[in-house]
Amino acid sequence: MKLKGYTHIYYGNGKGKTSILNGMTIRALGYHWNVKYLRFLKNRQSGEMLFFAEIKHPNLEIRNYYSSNTKFFWEMNDEEKAILKTEMRLGFEELKALSQQEGIDLIIVDELLGCIVNELITEEELIALIKNKNPNIEMVFSGHHMTPTLASAVDLISFVSAEKHYFYDNVPARKGIEF
């Protein structure tokens, strides 16, 4: 008999949210779990995605939903934002379908909370998904922002805070460390 699947959120402005998700992915794969890893609002090359592609683990499927360009949301014009919204809607619809399936143990969704802040999906839609998911699936979301309403719909919340970061001294993201 499978255990109940809980819903986690890792959020904040601190470094390490995606690293937490990657660690959970590796841990689950170690136990031969079936893992779906969905990436929203991230499409730049990263060491962890290169690693996952290289190992080609049979129980890991990674889906990227942002392919139209490499800009951050705040750098986009209205046309680019409209294209991004279409991509995020497709990803969210696929997430809803995955959340109902049998045989999936863990769904990791990186940067989904940013889709709410940027009005690409609604908080109500995400809460409905959480309430209606297959009860055996563990789901994990990350992002920068949290609301009390969303907090009341999940089982675990961890806040990742930066007390000090060299980014604020104009040090760019570094290959092998930040990406």
Protein backbone atom coordinates (compact mmCIF):
# COMPACT_ATOMS: atom_id res chain seq x y z
CA MET A 1 0.00 0.00 0.00
CA LYS A 2 1.36 3.39 -0.98
CA LEU A 3 1.75 6.16 1.53
CA LYS A 4 -0.14 9.42 1.29
CA GLY A 5 1.55 11.91 -0.99
CA TYR A 6 2.05 15.33 0.54
CA THR A 7 2.44 18.72 -1.11
CA HIS A 8 5.56 20.81 -0.43
CA ILE A 9 6.50 24.39 -1.22
CA TYR A 10 10.05 25.76 -1.11
CA TYR A 11 10.01 29.51 -1.59
CA GLY A 12 11.84 32.75 -0.90
CA ASN A 13 14.60 34.88 -2.35
CA GLY A 14 17.40 32.70 -1.04
CA LYS A 15 19.68 30.55 -3.17
CA GLY A 16 19.01 26.82 -3.14
CA LYS A 17 15.36 26.14 -3.93
CA THR A 18 16.13 24.32 -7.16
CA SER A 19 18.97 22.49 -5.43
CA ILE A 20 16.46 21.21 -2.86
CA LEU A 21 14.24 19.95 -5.67
CA ASN A 22 17.19 18.29 -7.40
CA GLY A 23 18.21 16.58 -4.17
CA MET A 24 14.68 15.26 -3.71
CA THR A 25 14.74 13.99 -7.29
CA ILE A 26 17.99 12.09 -6.72
CA ARG A 27 16.74 10.70 -3.41
CA ALA A 28 13.51 9.44 -4.99
CA LEU A 29 15.35 7.90 -7.94
CA GLY A 30 17.58 6.08 -5.47
CA TYR A 31 14.45 4.25 -4.31
CA HIS A 32 13.29 3.66 -7.90
CA TRP A 33 10.41 6.09 -7.68
CA ASN A 34 8.77 7.31 -10.88
CA VAL A 35 9.59 11.04 -11.03
CA LYS A 36 8.23 13.75 -13.32
CA TYR A 37 10.27 16.95 -13.21
CA LEU A 38 8.55 19.98 -14.73
CA ARG A 39 10.37 23.26 -15.35
CA PHE A 40 8.40 26.52 -15.57
CA LEU A 41 10.02 29.94 -16.19
CA LYS A 42 13.47 28.33 -16.50
CA ASN A 43 15.06 27.35 -19.75
CA ARG A 44 18.71 28.23 -19.54
CA GLN A 45 21.28 25.45 -19.53
CA SER A 46 22.22 24.22 -16.06
CA GLY A 47 24.63 21.63 -14.73
CA GLU A 48 21.90 19.61 -13.04
CA MET A 49 19.85 19.32 -16.24
CA LEU A 50 23.01 18.28 -18.14
CA PHE A 51 23.64 15.65 -15.46
CA PHE A 52 20.08 14.30 -15.55
CA ALA A 53 20.25 14.09 -19.36
CA GLU A 54 23.57 12.28 -19.17
CA ILE A 55 22.43 9.60 -16.71
CA LYS A 56 19.20 8.95 -18.64
CA HIS A 57 17.51 7.40 -15.61
CA PRO A 58 14.52 5.31 -16.76
CA ASN A 59 12.32 6.60 -13.92
CA LEU A 60 12.94 10.30 -14.60
CA GLU A 61 11.12 12.40 -17.15
CA ILE A 62 11.96 16.10 -17.44
CA ARG A 63 9.60 18.46 -19.23
CA ASN A 64 10.49 22.06 -20.04
CA TYR A 65 7.67 24.46 -20.82
CA TYR A 66 9.62 27.58 -21.66
CA SER A 67 11.26 27.50 -25.06
CA SER A 68 10.36 30.79 -26.76
CA ASN A 69 13.41 32.76 -25.54
CA THR A 70 15.85 33.07 -22.64
CA LYS A 71 14.68 36.32 -21.07
CA PHE A 72 13.39 36.75 -17.57
CA PHE A 73 9.72 37.76 -17.36
CA TRP A 74 10.49 41.38 -16.46
CA GLU A 75 12.72 41.70 -19.56
CA MET A 76 9.95 40.65 -22.00
CA ASN A 77 7.70 42.78 -24.16
CA ASP A 78 3.94 42.13 -24.36
CA GLU A 79 4.20 39.80 -27.36
CA GLU A 80 6.86 37.68 -25.65
CA LYS A 81 4.76 37.53 -22.48
CA ALA A 82 1.75 36.31 -24.50
CA ILE A 83 3.85 33.51 -26.02
CA LEU A 84 5.19 32.60 -22.58
CA LYS A 85 1.66 32.49 -21.18
CA THR A 86 0.68 29.98 -23.88
CA GLU A 87 3.68 27.82 -22.95
CA MET A 88 2.89 28.00 -19.23
CA ARG A 89 -0.79 27.16 -19.84
CA LEU A 90 0.27 24.07 -21.79
CA GLY A 91 2.58 23.06 -18.97
CA PHE A 92 -0.09 23.61 -16.34
CA GLU A 93 -2.62 21.52 -18.28
CA GLU A 94 -0.06 18.72 -18.51
CA LEU A 95 0.63 19.07 -14.78
CA LYS A 96 -3.09 18.67 -14.08
CA ALA A 97 -3.18 15.49 -16.18
CA LEU A 98 -0.06 14.08 -14.51
CA SER A 99 -1.49 14.82 -11.05
CA GLN A 100 -4.30 12.34 -11.74
CA GLN A 101 -2.22 9.44 -13.04
CA GLU A 102 -1.42 6.19 -11.33
CA GLY A 103 2.18 5.05 -11.16
CA ILE A 104 3.74 8.47 -10.56
CA ASP A 105 5.40 8.81 -7.18
CA LEU A 106 6.80 12.35 -7.25
CA ILE A 107 6.08 15.45 -9.32
CA ILE A 108 8.68 18.20 -9.00
CA VAL A 109 7.62 21.61 -10.38
CA ASP A 110 10.36 24.24 -10.45
CA GLU A 111 9.33 27.92 -10.50
CA LEU A 112 5.58 27.30 -10.66
CA LEU A 113 4.88 29.96 -8.04
CA GLY A 114 6.28 32.61 -10.38
CA CYS A 115 3.50 31.76 -12.81
CA ILE A 116 0.97 32.94 -10.24
CA VAL A 117 2.78 36.21 -9.50
CA ASN A 118 3.10 36.92 -13.23
CA GLU A 119 -0.58 36.04 -13.84
CA LEU A 120 0.17 33.10 -16.13
CA ILE A 121 -1.95 30.78 -13.96
CA THR A 122 -4.18 31.59 -11.01
CA GLU A 123 -3.71 30.67 -7.40
CA GLU A 124 -7.23 29.19 -7.45
CA GLU A 125 -6.23 26.83 -10.26
CA LEU A 126 -3.19 25.61 -8.34
CA ILE A 127 -5.18 25.09 -5.14
CA ALA A 128 -7.82 23.10 -7.07
CA LEU A 129 -5.05 20.94 -8.54
CA ILE A 130 -3.60 20.30 -5.08
CA LYS A 131 -7.00 19.39 -3.61
CA ASN A 132 -7.87 17.07 -6.51
CA LYS A 133 -4.52 15.35 -7.14
CA ASN A 134 -4.08 11.60 -6.88
CA PRO A 135 -3.63 11.19 -3.10
CA ASN A 136 -0.58 8.93 -3.56
CA ILE A 137 1.48 11.47 -5.50
CA GLU A 138 4.00 13.62 -3.65
CA MET A 139 4.11 17.10 -5.23
CA VAL A 140 6.79 19.75 -4.78
CA PHE A 141 6.67 23.38 -5.97
CA SER A 142 9.21 26.19 -5.85
CA GLY A 143 9.21 29.91 -6.42
CA HIS A 144 9.79 33.25 -4.79
CA HIS A 145 6.37 34.20 -3.42
CA MET A 146 3.76 32.65 -1.12
CA THR A 147 0.30 33.72 -0.01
CA PRO A 148 -1.65 32.69 3.10
CA THR A 149 -4.32 31.08 0.92
CA LEU A 150 -1.82 28.89 -0.89
CA ALA A 151 -0.04 28.12 2.38
CA SER A 152 -3.26 26.71 3.82
CA ALA A 153 -3.58 24.29 0.87
CA VAL A 154 -0.21 22.53 1.25
CA ASP A 155 1.38 20.24 3.83
CA LEU A 156 4.97 21.48 4.07
CA ILE A 157 6.47 24.92 3.55
CA SER A 158 10.12 25.88 3.76
CA PHE A 159 11.26 29.47 3.40
CA VAL A 160 14.69 29.93 1.81
CA SER A 161 16.20 33.26 2.77
CA ALA A 162 19.41 34.96 1.68
CA GLU A 163 21.16 36.63 4.59
CA LYS A 164 24.13 37.53 2.41
CA HIS A 165 24.77 36.94 -1.29
CA TYR A 166 27.57 38.02 -3.62
CA PHE A 167 24.93 38.64 -6.31
CA TYR A 168 24.28 41.97 -4.56
CA ASP A 169 27.95 42.85 -5.21
CA ASN A 170 27.28 42.43 -8.96
CA VAL A 171 28.80 38.95 -9.17
CA PRO A 172 27.02 37.18 -12.04
CA ALA A 173 25.68 33.63 -11.78
CA ARG A 174 28.58 31.20 -12.05
CA LYS A 175 28.69 28.02 -14.13
CA GLY A 176 28.82 24.95 -11.88
CA ILE A 177 27.64 26.89 -8.83
CA GLU A 178 24.47 28.82 -9.69
CA PHE A 179 23.70 27.05 -12.96
